[in-house]
């Protein structure tokens, strides 16, 4: 490791020159106290000044100065605004595709294509060979380039089961019966059929959505409300406040 460059007294004395260079590029009144000189190489050093702008707390103005061999004339090489220890920095940039969250896609939006999506796997397409195509019909993705992989089905099933249409939702906990016994429950197809279906009851808060078999609500097809029995009041009630004109 090469030795650190020696302190240059000529460069160290060029504080005013460095400050003027910083003021020349800085916003008005944002060049603060001098914070020292760091030698970058022989006859090359950087003066640091505090940045007093409230928008750049913890940042510093950095002015690099240099001189030629055996010369006392100092010149400015570079001037920058650099982050210091504890500086407020913007969040690390994320690609657009990585910033998307569920619910962000609205009308007219298109999500980027993910070629190596672990939630998908290759589907089947019609080949024209009757035997091959007949076997392919067992695959729900017939005619689609990709279908859900086992990992994709597991991720979706976990999200649905733990969500607002699973057994832990408040409406399900208070329901008189589960969806599996409801006439409006339409079982799902394929591997998800054993756990999920679609609610087809317009009176249900889950109408048109995926629900688990052990979900439920008060709009179950086979339940009813308690109907009070008619009360026998015994003695007839006589209206003493009205009379009939004869």
Protein backbone atom coordinates (compact mmCIF):
# COMPACT_ATOMS: atom_id res chain seq x y z
CA UNK A 1 0.00 0.00 0.00
CA UNK A 2 1.58 3.33 -1.05
CA UNK A 3 2.25 5.89 1.69
CA UNK A 4 -0.25 8.68 2.22
CA UNK A 5 0.68 11.92 0.44
CA UNK A 6 2.29 14.57 2.63
CA UNK A 7 0.33 17.63 3.61
CA UNK A 8 0.93 20.52 1.23
CA UNK A 9 1.08 23.84 3.08
CA UNK A 10 0.47 25.80 -0.10
CA UNK A 11 -2.73 23.90 -0.86
CA UNK A 12 -3.74 24.05 2.80
CA UNK A 13 -3.56 27.83 2.66
CA UNK A 14 -5.87 28.06 -0.36
CA UNK A 15 -9.06 28.01 1.74
CA UNK A 16 -10.36 31.32 0.41
CA UNK A 17 -9.75 30.24 -3.18
CA UNK A 18 -11.62 27.00 -2.58
CA UNK A 19 -14.47 28.80 -0.82
CA UNK A 20 -14.90 31.21 -3.75
CA UNK A 21 -15.06 28.22 -6.13
CA UNK A 22 -17.77 26.59 -3.99
CA UNK A 23 -19.77 29.81 -3.78
CA UNK A 24 -19.58 30.04 -7.56
CA UNK A 25 -21.65 26.89 -8.03
CA UNK A 26 -23.63 26.79 -4.78
CA UNK A 27 -27.05 28.10 -3.94
CA UNK A 28 -26.84 31.49 -2.17
CA UNK A 29 -25.63 31.34 1.45
CA UNK A 30 -25.20 27.56 1.55
CA UNK A 31 -21.39 27.34 1.89
CA UNK A 32 -20.66 26.94 5.59
CA UNK A 33 -17.61 26.37 7.76
CA UNK A 34 -14.39 24.90 6.44
CA UNK A 35 -14.11 21.22 7.47
CA UNK A 36 -10.53 20.50 6.52
CA UNK A 37 -8.26 19.45 3.69
CA UNK A 38 -7.77 15.87 2.48
CA UNK A 39 -4.70 15.16 0.35
CA UNK A 40 -5.62 13.08 -2.68
CA UNK A 41 -2.13 12.80 -4.16
CA UNK A 42 1.11 14.76 -4.25
CA UNK A 43 0.23 18.43 -4.75
CA UNK A 44 -3.49 17.57 -5.06
CA UNK A 45 -5.97 18.06 -2.21
CA UNK A 46 -9.67 18.58 -1.54
CA UNK A 47 -11.09 21.27 0.73
CA UNK A 48 -14.44 20.48 2.38
CA UNK A 49 -17.07 23.01 3.47
CA UNK A 50 -20.31 22.35 5.28
CA UNK A 51 -23.49 22.67 3.21
CA UNK A 52 -26.05 24.73 5.13
CA UNK A 53 -29.00 24.04 2.80
CA UNK A 54 -31.88 22.40 4.66
CA UNK A 55 -32.50 20.23 1.62
CA UNK A 56 -28.98 18.74 1.84
CA UNK A 57 -28.38 18.11 5.52
CA UNK A 58 -25.15 16.20 6.07
CA UNK A 59 -23.75 17.04 2.63
CA UNK A 60 -20.49 18.89 2.00
CA UNK A 61 -19.05 21.12 -0.69
CA UNK A 62 -15.84 19.54 -2.02
CA UNK A 63 -13.33 21.65 -3.91
CA UNK A 64 -10.24 19.91 -5.30
CA UNK A 65 -7.18 22.13 -5.77
CA UNK A 66 -3.74 21.44 -7.23
CA UNK A 67 -0.45 23.08 -8.07
CA UNK A 68 2.38 22.34 -10.46
CA UNK A 69 5.79 21.17 -9.18
CA UNK A 70 7.86 24.00 -7.64
CA UNK A 71 4.94 26.40 -8.20
CA UNK A 72 3.07 28.35 -5.55
CA UNK A 73 0.12 29.05 -7.86
CA UNK A 74 -2.94 27.02 -6.81
CA UNK A 75 -5.68 26.20 -9.29
CA UNK A 76 -9.14 24.69 -8.84
CA UNK A 77 -9.60 21.32 -10.50
CA UNK A 78 -13.12 20.21 -9.51
CA UNK A 79 -16.04 21.40 -7.38
CA UNK A 80 -18.78 19.07 -6.14
CA UNK A 81 -21.54 18.65 -3.58
CA UNK A 82 -20.96 15.28 -1.91
CA UNK A 83 -22.81 13.33 0.83
CA UNK A 84 -21.06 13.04 4.16
CA UNK A 85 -21.60 10.73 7.11
CA UNK A 86 -25.29 10.76 8.06
CA UNK A 87 -26.31 12.58 4.89
CA UNK A 88 -29.94 12.31 3.82
CA UNK A 89 -29.96 10.29 0.61
CA UNK A 90 -32.72 9.35 -1.77
CA UNK A 91 -33.85 5.70 -1.65
CA UNK A 92 -31.96 3.25 -3.81
CA UNK A 93 -33.41 3.32 -7.31
CA UNK A 94 -35.61 0.38 -8.20
CA UNK A 95 -36.66 -0.57 -11.73
CA UNK A 96 -40.28 0.15 -12.58
CA UNK A 97 -41.14 -3.56 -12.63
CA UNK A 98 -39.84 -3.99 -9.08
CA UNK A 99 -41.79 -1.01 -7.74
CA UNK A 100 -45.20 -2.35 -8.77
CA UNK A 101 -47.41 -3.60 -5.96
CA UNK A 102 -50.73 -5.48 -6.05
CA UNK A 103 -53.50 -3.02 -6.87
CA UNK A 104 -51.25 -0.58 -8.78
CA UNK A 105 -52.39 -1.68 -12.23
CA UNK A 106 -55.37 0.33 -13.47
CA UNK A 107 -57.21 0.75 -16.78
CA UNK A 108 -54.77 1.18 -19.66
CA UNK A 109 -51.70 0.03 -17.69
CA UNK A 110 -49.54 -2.83 -18.96
CA UNK A 111 -47.14 -4.75 -16.72
CA UNK A 112 -43.67 -5.67 -18.06
CA UNK A 113 -43.10 -9.19 -19.34
CA UNK A 114 -41.26 -11.47 -16.91
CA UNK A 115 -39.54 -14.19 -18.91
CA UNK A 116 -38.22 -16.23 -15.97
CA UNK A 117 -41.28 -15.99 -13.72
CA UNK A 118 -41.05 -18.71 -11.03
CA UNK A 119 -44.84 -18.62 -10.64
CA UNK A 120 -45.37 -19.83 -14.23
CA UNK A 121 -44.33 -22.81 -16.30
CA UNK A 122 -44.72 -23.84 -19.93
CA UNK A 123 -48.24 -24.75 -21.01
CA UNK A 124 -49.41 -26.89 -23.92
CA UNK A 125 -50.48 -25.93 -27.42
CA UNK A 126 -52.42 -27.89 -29.98
CA UNK A 127 -50.01 -29.93 -32.10
CA UNK A 128 -52.39 -31.55 -34.57
CA UNK A 129 -51.48 -35.00 -33.27
CA UNK A 130 -54.71 -36.40 -31.83
CA UNK A 131 -53.03 -38.60 -29.22
CA UNK A 132 -50.75 -35.82 -28.04
CA UNK A 133 -53.54 -33.25 -27.93
CA UNK A 134 -55.85 -35.62 -26.06
CA UNK A 135 -53.24 -35.99 -23.34
CA UNK A 136 -52.66 -32.25 -23.32
CA UNK A 137 -56.34 -31.64 -22.56
CA UNK A 138 -55.65 -32.69 -19.00
CA UNK A 139 -53.60 -29.53 -18.72
CA UNK A 140 -55.82 -26.50 -18.10
CA UNK A 141 -53.39 -24.28 -19.97
CA UNK A 142 -54.09 -25.82 -23.38
CA UNK A 143 -53.39 -23.14 -25.95
CA UNK A 144 -51.53 -20.85 -23.54
CA UNK A 145 -47.74 -20.40 -23.63
CA UNK A 146 -47.45 -20.59 -19.82
CA UNK A 147 -49.58 -21.69 -16.88
CA UNK A 148 -49.25 -21.56 -13.11
CA UNK A 149 -46.40 -23.59 -11.68
CA UNK A 150 -46.71 -25.46 -8.39
CA UNK A 151 -45.02 -22.51 -6.72
CA UNK A 152 -47.45 -20.11 -8.37
CA UNK A 153 -50.48 -22.10 -7.21
CA UNK A 154 -49.10 -22.29 -3.69
CA UNK A 155 -48.49 -18.53 -3.58
CA UNK A 156 -52.01 -17.74 -4.83
CA UNK A 157 -53.65 -20.27 -2.53
CA UNK A 158 -51.84 -18.93 0.51
CA UNK A 159 -52.75 -15.33 -0.37
CA UNK A 160 -56.43 -16.17 -0.88
CA UNK A 161 -56.73 -18.44 2.15
CA UNK A 162 -55.18 -15.86 4.50
CA UNK A 163 -57.10 -12.95 2.96
CA UNK A 164 -60.55 -11.49 3.39
CA UNK A 165 -62.25 -14.48 1.73
CA UNK A 166 -60.66 -17.18 3.85
CA UNK A 167 -61.79 -18.80 7.10
CA UNK A 168 -60.24 -16.16 9.38
CA UNK A 169 -62.21 -13.21 7.97
CA UNK A 170 -64.65 -11.67 10.46
CA UNK A 171 -67.64 -12.41 8.22
CA UNK A 172 -66.61 -16.07 8.07
CA UNK A 173 -66.04 -16.39 11.81
CA UNK A 174 -69.58 -15.09 12.47
CA UNK A 175 -71.21 -17.03 9.61
CA UNK A 176 -73.85 -19.67 10.45
CA UNK A 177 -72.42 -22.16 7.92
CA UNK A 178 -69.49 -22.57 5.54
CA UNK A 179 -69.36 -22.10 1.78
CA UNK A 180 -68.83 -25.79 1.12
CA UNK A 181 -72.51 -26.48 1.94
CA UNK A 182 -73.91 -23.42 0.14
CA UNK A 183 -75.84 -23.82 -3.11
CA UNK A 184 -74.26 -20.66 -4.49
CA UNK A 185 -70.73 -22.09 -4.15
CA UNK A 186 -69.19 -22.94 -7.55
CA UNK A 187 -66.14 -25.23 -7.12
CA UNK A 188 -62.94 -24.17 -8.80
CA UNK A 189 -61.33 -26.30 -11.48
CA UNK A 190 -58.02 -28.12 -11.39
CA UNK A 191 -55.70 -28.42 -8.43
CA UNK A 192 -57.40 -25.56 -6.53
CA UNK A 193 -60.78 -27.29 -6.55
CA UNK A 194 -60.09 -29.04 -3.24
CA UNK A 195 -59.82 -25.75 -1.38
CA UNK A 196 -61.49 -22.95 -3.35
CA UNK A 197 -64.49 -21.97 -5.39
CA UNK A 198 -66.37 -18.88 -6.56
CA UNK A 199 -69.31 -17.26 -4.78
CA UNK A 200 -72.33 -16.74 -7.06
CA UNK A 201 -74.70 -15.15 -4.54
CA UNK A 202 -75.47 -11.50 -5.32
CA UNK A 203 -76.51 -10.94 -1.70
CA UNK A 204 -73.14 -12.09 -0.38
CA UNK A 205 -70.22 -9.68 0.22
CA UNK A 206 -68.07 -12.28 -1.56
CA UNK A 207 -70.16 -12.36 -4.76
CA UNK A 208 -67.96 -12.97 -7.80
CA UNK A 209 -64.78 -13.65 -5.81
CA UNK A 210 -62.70 -16.69 -4.90
CA UNK A 211 -63.63 -18.09 -1.48
CA UNK A 212 -62.29 -21.00 0.52
CA UNK A 213 -64.51 -23.96 1.31
CA UNK A 214 -64.43 -23.02 5.00
CA UNK A 215 -65.26 -19.36 4.35
CA UNK A 216 -68.83 -18.26 4.98
CA UNK A 217 -71.30 -15.42 5.32
CA UNK A 218 -74.85 -14.71 6.39
CA UNK A 219 -76.19 -15.16 2.85
CA UNK A 220 -75.75 -18.95 2.93
CA UNK A 221 -78.44 -20.67 0.86
CA UNK A 222 -79.46 -23.15 3.56
CA UNK A 223 -79.76 -20.94 6.64
CA UNK A 224 -82.63 -18.81 7.83
CA UNK A 225 -83.34 -16.18 10.44
CA UNK A 226 -85.34 -16.86 13.57
CA UNK A 227 -89.00 -16.05 13.00
CA UNK A 228 -90.91 -15.14 16.19
CA UNK A 229 -94.15 -16.99 16.82
CA UNK A 230 -97.34 -14.88 16.67
CA UNK A 231 -98.43 -13.75 20.13
CA UNK A 232 -101.94 -14.54 21.41
CA UNK A 233 -103.07 -11.36 23.08
CA UNK A 234 -106.30 -12.95 24.41
CA UNK A 235 -108.75 -10.07 24.97
CA UNK A 236 -109.62 -8.13 21.80
CA UNK A 237 -108.36 -4.57 21.67
CA UNK A 238 -111.15 -1.97 21.62
CA UNK A 239 -110.46 1.32 19.94
CA UNK A 240 -112.00 3.94 22.22
CA UNK A 241 -110.59 6.90 20.35
CA UNK A 242 -112.48 6.62 17.06
CA UNK A 243 -116.14 6.05 16.20
CA UNK A 244 -118.15 5.22 13.12
CA UNK A 245 -120.80 7.60 11.81
CA UNK A 246 -124.17 5.86 11.37
